[in-house]
Amino acid sequence: MASVTLTDVRKSYGATAVIHGVDVDIADGEFVVLVGPSGCGKSTLLRMVAGLETITDGEIAIGDRVVNDLEPKDRDIAMVFQNYALYPHMTVATNMGFSLEHRGTSKAQIAERVKWAADILGLEALLDRYPRQLSGGQRQRVAMGRAIVRNPQVFLFDEPLSNLDAKLRVVMRGEIKGLHQRLRTTTIYVTHDQVEAMTMADKIVVLNAGRVEQVGAPLDLYDRPANQFVAGFIGSPAMNFIGGRITPGGFVAAGVTLPLPAGLPAGERSAVYGARPEAFALAPDGLPATVTLVEPMGPETQVTLMLGEHQIIAVFRERVKARPGDTLHIRPDLEAIHLFDAETGARLN
């Protein structure tokens, strides 16, 4: 196992820059998720760590070795791809042991390592099957087994669950996290799914257009987003944003005046009012809002509302009996309100 350090890492294709000076420190044994929208550069960054993409500038270190000029095979990493990349003409056992065989490992050692990995991943009964005889989840386990038999210093995962159905993604998410807790191998995991990021990561790196927006523990990013981009990307359903103006009498927006949290700098300014769906509570003396959609979720109810001229989503930890056109009175939890600069998106409170 080893730490991974990215220092002012940059990547350009000709005159087009796609990674703009990324700095990230990943501790030994840490599970770090790179998350962001499509095209933000997260897979490119992962492939640079793997050695599959060259580095235009900066430095990548694995442990105490700078690996900028090392071939992928010499970096002591193992990568799990989105499409599994299994050899169709090889059995599960042969697929899992192929990299060891390629390195000249003895047959006895290969068999021992394959059995060890198969026991961890529940693949003992599938070792003689071919990839075409496996389900998507089983193929993903084989791809993971092929990675762990090498006992690398670093695991790299490139959107490994995107080809699975929703139920299986939840199962495999837990299996990958459980595998990390057992092996404690440094892991870098790429996804565009912020739910995966929140549930799996020790630390999240939020990327946007090739730049790091924020780095931190999942709940730190959720509770204290550095800017409006992070606030809108982390959390499901997404945070509600209402544009308006901070005034001495409250936050004035089209058709509504919202209460403000304490401790804001004095003076009026344009801003964006951010409230997560669960930050609203039903209150007889609250703000009137018109129901447009009610979605019962079992233990909670998700309600789409018009608050003044703004559509918001509220999640109530109770069963709300309401119909489109009804009026609900809601009150925001001022300790959970976020305010952002209207121009820069930076957090104000």
Protein backbone atom coordinates (compact mmCIF):
# COMPACT_ATOMS: atom_id res chain seq x y z
CA MET A 1 0.00 0.00 0.00
CA ALA A 2 1.09 3.58 -0.61
CA SER A 3 0.03 7.20 -0.63
CA VAL A 4 -0.66 9.00 -3.93
CA THR A 5 0.25 12.66 -4.41
CA LEU A 6 -0.72 14.81 -7.39
CA THR A 7 1.13 18.12 -7.55
CA ASP A 8 0.08 20.80 -10.05
CA VAL A 9 -0.90 18.09 -12.56
CA ARG A 10 -1.86 19.40 -15.99
CA LYS A 11 -2.97 17.83 -19.25
CA SER A 12 -3.35 19.40 -22.68
CA TYR A 13 -4.22 17.98 -26.07
CA GLY A 14 -2.37 20.36 -28.35
CA ALA A 15 -3.51 23.85 -27.44
CA THR A 16 -6.56 22.58 -25.54
CA ALA A 17 -6.03 22.30 -21.77
CA VAL A 18 -8.28 19.74 -20.04
CA ILE A 19 -6.67 19.41 -16.58
CA HIS A 20 -5.68 22.69 -14.94
CA GLY A 21 -3.17 22.29 -12.11
CA VAL A 22 -4.73 19.62 -9.89
CA ASP A 23 -3.32 19.13 -6.37
CA VAL A 24 -4.57 16.13 -4.39
CA ASP A 25 -3.03 14.22 -1.46
CA ILE A 26 -4.31 10.66 -0.94
CA ALA A 27 -3.20 8.96 2.26
CA ASP A 28 -2.05 5.35 2.49
CA GLY A 29 -5.14 3.12 2.70
CA GLU A 30 -7.61 5.90 1.88
CA PHE A 31 -10.65 5.44 -0.38
CA VAL A 32 -10.88 8.58 -2.53
CA VAL A 33 -13.63 9.23 -5.06
CA LEU A 34 -13.19 11.59 -8.02
CA VAL A 35 -16.63 12.89 -8.87
CA GLY A 36 -18.03 15.43 -11.29
CA PRO A 37 -20.19 15.82 -14.40
CA SER A 38 -19.36 14.15 -17.70
CA GLY A 39 -16.33 15.72 -19.35
CA CYS A 40 -14.90 17.22 -16.14
CA GLY A 41 -11.61 15.30 -16.50
CA LYS A 42 -11.98 12.68 -13.77
CA SER A 43 -11.27 9.64 -16.00
CA THR A 44 -8.39 11.48 -17.67
CA LEU A 45 -6.89 12.15 -14.23
CA LEU A 46 -7.28 8.48 -13.26
CA ARG A 47 -5.64 7.35 -16.50
CA MET A 48 -2.73 9.71 -15.81
CA VAL A 49 -2.21 8.03 -12.43
CA ALA A 50 -2.35 4.66 -14.19
CA GLY A 51 0.13 5.72 -16.86
CA LEU A 52 -2.37 5.31 -19.68
CA GLU A 53 -2.26 9.07 -20.38
CA THR A 54 0.90 11.16 -20.44
CA ILE A 55 1.28 14.14 -18.11
CA THR A 56 1.78 17.52 -19.75
CA ASP A 57 3.10 19.11 -16.55
CA GLY A 58 3.24 18.51 -12.82
CA GLU A 59 4.13 15.45 -10.78
CA ILE A 60 2.44 12.20 -9.72
CA ALA A 61 4.01 10.21 -6.89
CA ILE A 62 2.99 6.75 -5.64
CA GLY A 63 4.60 6.25 -2.28
CA ASP A 64 8.04 7.82 -2.46
CA ARG A 65 8.42 7.28 -6.23
CA VAL A 66 7.64 9.88 -8.87
CA VAL A 67 5.96 7.85 -11.61
CA ASN A 68 5.61 10.41 -14.41
CA ASP A 69 7.89 8.47 -16.73
CA LEU A 70 7.16 4.93 -15.53
CA GLU A 71 5.25 2.44 -17.68
CA PRO A 72 1.88 1.29 -16.27
CA LYS A 73 3.28 -2.18 -15.51
CA ASP A 74 5.98 -0.63 -13.33
CA ARG A 75 3.67 1.52 -11.17
CA ASP A 76 2.34 -1.33 -8.98
CA ILE A 77 -1.27 -0.40 -9.58
CA ALA A 78 -4.31 -2.45 -10.68
CA MET A 79 -7.23 -0.99 -12.61
CA VAL A 80 -10.87 -2.09 -12.90
CA PHE A 81 -12.52 -0.76 -16.05
CA GLN A 82 -16.12 0.17 -16.82
CA ASN A 83 -16.51 -2.63 -19.40
CA TYR A 84 -14.76 -5.32 -17.25
CA ALA A 85 -12.21 -6.04 -20.07
CA LEU A 86 -12.30 -9.81 -19.53
CA TYR A 87 -10.82 -12.23 -22.06
CA PRO A 88 -13.81 -14.13 -23.51
CA HIS A 89 -11.80 -17.26 -24.37
CA MET A 90 -10.41 -17.66 -20.84
CA THR A 91 -12.08 -19.13 -17.78
CA VAL A 92 -12.65 -17.07 -14.65
CA ALA A 93 -9.58 -18.60 -13.01
CA THR A 94 -7.39 -17.92 -16.05
CA ASN A 95 -8.67 -14.35 -16.34
CA MET A 96 -7.90 -13.69 -12.69
CA GLY A 97 -4.42 -15.21 -12.85
CA PHE A 98 -3.38 -13.92 -16.26
CA SER A 99 -1.45 -10.88 -15.04
CA LEU A 100 0.51 -13.05 -12.59
CA GLU A 101 1.29 -15.55 -15.33
CA HIS A 102 2.47 -12.69 -17.55
CA ARG A 103 4.87 -11.66 -14.78
CA GLY A 104 6.37 -15.15 -14.53
CA THR A 105 4.74 -16.15 -11.25
CA SER A 106 4.78 -19.90 -10.58
CA LYS A 107 1.62 -21.92 -11.21
CA ALA A 108 1.39 -22.87 -7.55
CA GLN A 109 1.51 -19.22 -6.46
CA ILE A 110 -1.05 -18.25 -9.11
CA ALA A 111 -3.44 -20.97 -7.96
CA GLU A 112 -3.00 -19.87 -4.34
CA ARG A 113 -3.64 -16.20 -5.11
CA VAL A 114 -6.63 -16.95 -7.36
CA LYS A 115 -8.19 -19.14 -4.65
CA TRP A 116 -7.61 -16.42 -2.05
CA ALA A 117 -9.30 -13.78 -4.23
CA ALA A 118 -12.14 -16.13 -5.21
CA ASP A 119 -12.85 -16.85 -1.53
CA ILE A 120 -13.06 -13.12 -0.75
CA LEU A 121 -15.36 -12.39 -3.70
CA GLY A 122 -17.55 -15.49 -3.58
CA LEU A 123 -16.31 -16.82 -6.94
CA GLU A 124 -15.23 -20.31 -5.83
CA ALA A 125 -18.01 -22.05 -7.78
CA LEU A 126 -17.43 -20.01 -10.93
CA LEU A 127 -13.71 -20.53 -11.56
CA ASP A 128 -14.23 -22.92 -14.50
CA ARG A 129 -16.85 -20.77 -16.26
CA TYR A 130 -16.31 -18.35 -19.13
CA PRO A 131 -17.34 -14.66 -19.07
CA ARG A 132 -20.30 -15.31 -21.39
CA GLN A 133 -21.74 -17.63 -18.72
CA LEU A 134 -21.71 -14.94 -16.03
CA SER A 135 -24.09 -12.17 -15.01
CA GLY A 136 -22.99 -8.53 -15.02
CA GLY A 137 -22.36 -8.57 -11.29
CA GLN A 138 -20.32 -11.78 -11.53
CA ARG A 139 -18.20 -10.31 -14.32
CA GLN A 140 -17.54 -7.27 -12.19
CA ARG A 141 -16.39 -9.51 -9.34
CA VAL A 142 -14.03 -11.31 -11.71
CA ALA A 143 -12.60 -7.96 -12.84
CA MET A 144 -12.09 -7.04 -9.19
CA GLY A 145 -10.53 -10.44 -8.50
CA ARG A 146 -8.08 -9.96 -11.36
CA ALA A 147 -7.03 -6.70 -9.71
CA ILE A 148 -6.63 -7.93 -6.14
CA VAL A 149 -4.63 -11.11 -6.95
CA ARG A 150 -1.70 -8.84 -7.75
CA ASN A 151 -1.80 -7.25 -4.28
CA PRO A 152 -0.98 -3.81 -5.76
CA GLN A 153 -0.16 -0.65 -3.86
CA VAL A 154 -3.12 1.19 -5.42
CA PHE A 155 -6.51 0.16 -6.87
CA LEU A 156 -8.00 2.32 -9.62
CA PHE A 157 -11.72 2.03 -10.49
CA ASP A 158 -13.09 3.78 -13.59
CA GLU A 159 -16.92 3.96 -13.26
CA PRO A 160 -17.10 0.20 -12.58
CA LEU A 161 -20.83 0.08 -11.80
CA SER A 162 -22.26 2.15 -14.65
CA ASN A 163 -23.21 -0.92 -16.73
CA LEU A 164 -25.19 -2.56 -13.92
CA ASP A 165 -28.89 -2.16 -13.11
CA ALA A 166 -29.91 -0.02 -10.14
CA LYS A 167 -30.40 -2.85 -7.63
CA LEU A 168 -27.12 -4.54 -8.53
CA ARG A 169 -25.26 -1.24 -8.31
CA VAL A 170 -26.31 -0.94 -4.67
CA VAL A 171 -25.10 -4.49 -3.94
CA MET A 172 -21.77 -4.03 -5.72
CA ARG A 173 -21.26 -0.65 -4.07
CA GLY A 174 -21.36 -2.37 -0.71
CA GLU A 175 -19.06 -5.16 -1.90
CA ILE A 176 -16.40 -2.76 -3.16
CA LYS A 177 -16.52 -0.76 0.09
CA GLY A 178 -16.37 -4.00 2.10
CA LEU A 179 -13.39 -5.16 0.05
CA HIS A 180 -11.58 -1.93 0.82
CA GLN A 181 -12.31 -2.22 4.53
CA ARG A 182 -10.85 -5.73 4.48
CA LEU A 183 -7.74 -5.09 2.36
CA ARG A 184 -7.10 -1.40 3.25
CA THR A 185 -5.47 -0.84 -0.13
CA THR A 186 -5.28 2.78 -1.30
CA THR A 187 -8.16 3.22 -3.76
CA ILE A 188 -9.03 5.91 -6.31
CA TYR A 189 -12.55 5.54 -7.66
CA VAL A 190 -14.10 7.56 -10.51
CA THR A 191 -17.85 8.07 -10.83
CA HIS A 192 -20.35 10.68 -11.99
CA ASP A 193 -22.86 9.33 -9.45
CA GLN A 194 -22.71 11.49 -6.34
CA VAL A 195 -24.67 8.87 -4.33
CA GLU A 196 -21.80 6.41 -4.94
CA ALA A 197 -19.36 9.10 -3.91
CA MET A 198 -21.23 9.93 -0.68
CA THR A 199 -21.68 6.32 0.43
CA MET A 200 -18.25 4.91 -0.48
CA ALA A 201 -15.62 7.61 -0.02
CA ASP A 202 -13.36 8.49 2.88
CA LYS A 203 -12.64 11.63 0.89
CA ILE A 204 -14.30 13.16 -2.19
CA VAL A 205 -12.57 15.28 -4.85
CA VAL A 206 -15.17 17.33 -6.76
CA LEU A 207 -13.98 18.21 -10.26
CA ASN A 208 -15.43 20.72 -12.69
CA ALA A 209 -13.96 21.50 -16.13
CA GLY A 210 -10.57 20.08 -15.17
CA ARG A 211 -10.29 21.96 -11.88
CA VAL A 212 -10.74 20.86 -8.27
CA GLU A 213 -13.71 22.66 -6.72
CA GLN A 214 -13.44 21.11 -3.25
CA VAL A 215 -11.81 18.20 -1.40
CA GLY A 216 -13.17 16.78 1.83
CA ALA A 217 -15.07 14.09 3.70
CA PRO A 218 -18.52 13.37 2.24
CA LEU A 219 -20.52 14.97 5.06
CA ASP A 220 -18.20 18.00 5.15
CA LEU A 221 -18.96 18.64 1.47
CA TYR A 222 -22.66 18.07 2.08
CA ASP A 223 -22.86 20.36 5.11
CA ARG A 224 -20.31 23.01 4.10
CA PRO A 225 -20.02 23.19 0.29
CA ALA A 226 -17.37 25.70 -0.76
CA ASN A 227 -19.45 27.09 -3.61
CA GLN A 228 -22.69 26.78 -5.51
CA PHE A 229 -21.33 24.18 -7.93
CA VAL A 230 -20.43 21.75 -5.14
CA ALA A 231 -23.69 22.47 -3.32
CA GLY A 232 -25.70 21.64 -6.43
CA PHE A 233 -23.73 18.55 -7.35
CA ILE A 234 -23.56 16.84 -3.95
CA GLY A 235 -26.92 15.67 -2.62
CA SER A 236 -29.99 13.95 -4.06
CA PRO A 237 -32.48 15.48 -4.63
CA ALA A 238 -30.31 18.47 -5.45
CA MET A 239 -30.18 21.62 -3.34
CA ASN A 240 -32.80 24.27 -4.15
CA PHE A 241 -31.41 27.59 -5.39
CA ILE A 242 -33.33 30.88 -5.33
CA GLY A 243 -31.78 34.01 -6.78
CA GLY A 244 -32.47 37.32 -5.06
CA ARG A 245 -31.03 39.93 -2.74
CA ILE A 246 -29.88 40.03 0.87
CA THR A 247 -31.56 42.97 2.66
CA PRO A 248 -31.96 44.03 6.31
CA GLY A 249 -35.53 42.65 6.16
CA GLY A 250 -34.61 39.21 4.79
CA PHE A 251 -33.77 37.57 1.51
CA VAL A 252 -35.96 39.19 -1.14
CA ALA A 253 -36.73 37.09 -4.22
CA ALA A 254 -39.46 37.17 -6.84
CA GLY A 255 -42.76 36.84 -5.01
CA VAL A 256 -41.35 35.87 -1.60
CA THR A 257 -39.18 37.10 1.28
CA LEU A 258 -37.19 34.38 3.05
CA PRO A 259 -35.67 34.52 6.54
CA LEU A 260 -31.88 34.79 6.76
CA PRO A 261 -29.46 33.02 9.11
CA ALA A 262 -27.59 35.11 11.68
CA GLY A 263 -23.99 36.21 11.28
CA LEU A 264 -24.07 37.58 7.74
CA PRO A 265 -21.94 40.64 6.89
CA ALA A 266 -23.88 43.91 6.99
CA GLY A 267 -25.11 45.47 3.77
CA GLU A 268 -27.25 44.56 0.81
CA ARG A 269 -25.99 42.39 -2.02
CA SER A 270 -27.18 40.05 -4.77
CA ALA A 271 -26.97 36.41 -3.74
CA VAL A 272 -28.33 32.90 -4.19
CA TYR A 273 -30.30 31.27 -1.37
CA GLY A 274 -29.58 27.54 -1.08
CA ALA A 275 -31.76 25.09 0.84
CA ARG A 276 -31.60 21.31 0.70
CA PRO A 277 -34.99 19.58 0.33
CA GLU A 278 -34.89 18.29 3.92
CA ALA A 279 -34.22 21.84 5.25
CA PHE A 280 -37.95 22.65 5.06
CA ALA A 281 -40.50 21.75 7.73
CA LEU A 282 -44.27 22.10 7.80
CA ALA A 283 -45.31 24.97 10.11
CA PRO A 284 -48.68 26.73 10.51
CA ASP A 285 -46.92 30.11 10.56
CA GLY A 286 -44.58 29.28 7.70
CA LEU A 287 -44.38 30.63 4.16
CA PRO A 288 -47.28 29.67 1.86
CA ALA A 289 -46.30 27.43 -1.04
CA THR A 290 -48.47 25.84 -3.72
CA VAL A 291 -48.20 22.07 -4.28
CA THR A 292 -47.55 20.98 -7.88
CA LEU A 293 -46.48 17.34 -7.33
CA VAL A 294 -46.58 14.86 -4.44
CA GLU A 295 -44.35 11.76 -4.47
CA PRO A 296 -44.85 9.38 -1.51
CA MET A 297 -41.57 7.54 -0.79
CA GLY A 298 -42.72 5.39 2.13
CA PRO A 299 -40.96 6.80 5.21
CA GLU A 300 -40.92 10.30 3.68
CA THR A 301 -42.78 12.43 1.15
CA GLN A 302 -41.17 14.43 -1.64
CA VAL A 303 -43.22 17.46 -2.63
CA THR A 304 -42.63 19.89 -5.49
CA LEU A 305 -43.86 23.37 -4.61
CA MET A 306 -44.07 26.89 -6.00
CA LEU A 307 -42.63 29.29 -3.44
CA GLY A 308 -43.38 32.72 -4.81
CA GLU A 309 -42.23 32.38 -8.43
CA HIS A 310 -39.66 29.68 -7.65
CA GLN A 311 -40.07 25.92 -7.95
CA ILE A 312 -38.53 23.99 -5.07
CA ILE A 313 -38.45 20.40 -3.86
CA ALA A 314 -39.07 19.65 -0.19
CA VAL A 315 -38.66 16.28 1.53
CA PHE A 316 -40.73 15.79 4.68
CA ARG A 317 -40.01 12.98 7.14
CA GLU A 318 -43.72 12.25 7.36
CA ARG A 319 -46.62 11.26 5.14
CA VAL A 320 -48.06 14.45 3.71
CA LYS A 321 -51.65 14.32 2.52
CA ALA A 322 -51.78 17.00 -0.14
CA ARG A 323 -52.86 17.35 -3.74
CA PRO A 324 -51.68 19.59 -6.58
CA GLY A 325 -53.13 23.06 -6.04
CA ASP A 326 -53.16 22.79 -2.24
CA THR A 327 -51.25 25.28 -0.11
CA LEU A 328 -48.68 24.10 2.43
CA HIS A 329 -46.98 26.39 4.91
CA ILE A 330 -43.27 25.69 5.20
CA ARG A 331 -40.41 27.05 7.30
CA PRO A 332 -36.70 26.75 6.37
CA ASP A 333 -34.23 25.60 9.04
CA LEU A 334 -31.96 28.66 9.23
CA GLU A 335 -29.02 26.57 10.49
CA ALA A 336 -29.16 24.60 7.24
CA ILE A 337 -29.41 27.55 4.84
CA HIS A 338 -26.53 28.29 2.44
CA LEU A 339 -25.90 31.64 0.78
CA PHE A 340 -23.71 32.08 -2.29
CA ASP A 341 -22.36 35.11 -4.13
CA ALA A 342 -24.48 35.74 -7.21
CA GLU A 343 -21.46 36.36 -9.46
CA THR A 344 -18.72 34.04 -8.25
CA GLY A 345 -20.81 31.29 -6.63
CA ALA A 346 -18.57 31.39 -3.54
CA ARG A 347 -20.12 30.58 -0.17
CA LEU A 348 -21.01 33.62 1.93
CA ASN A 349 -21.97 32.08 5.30
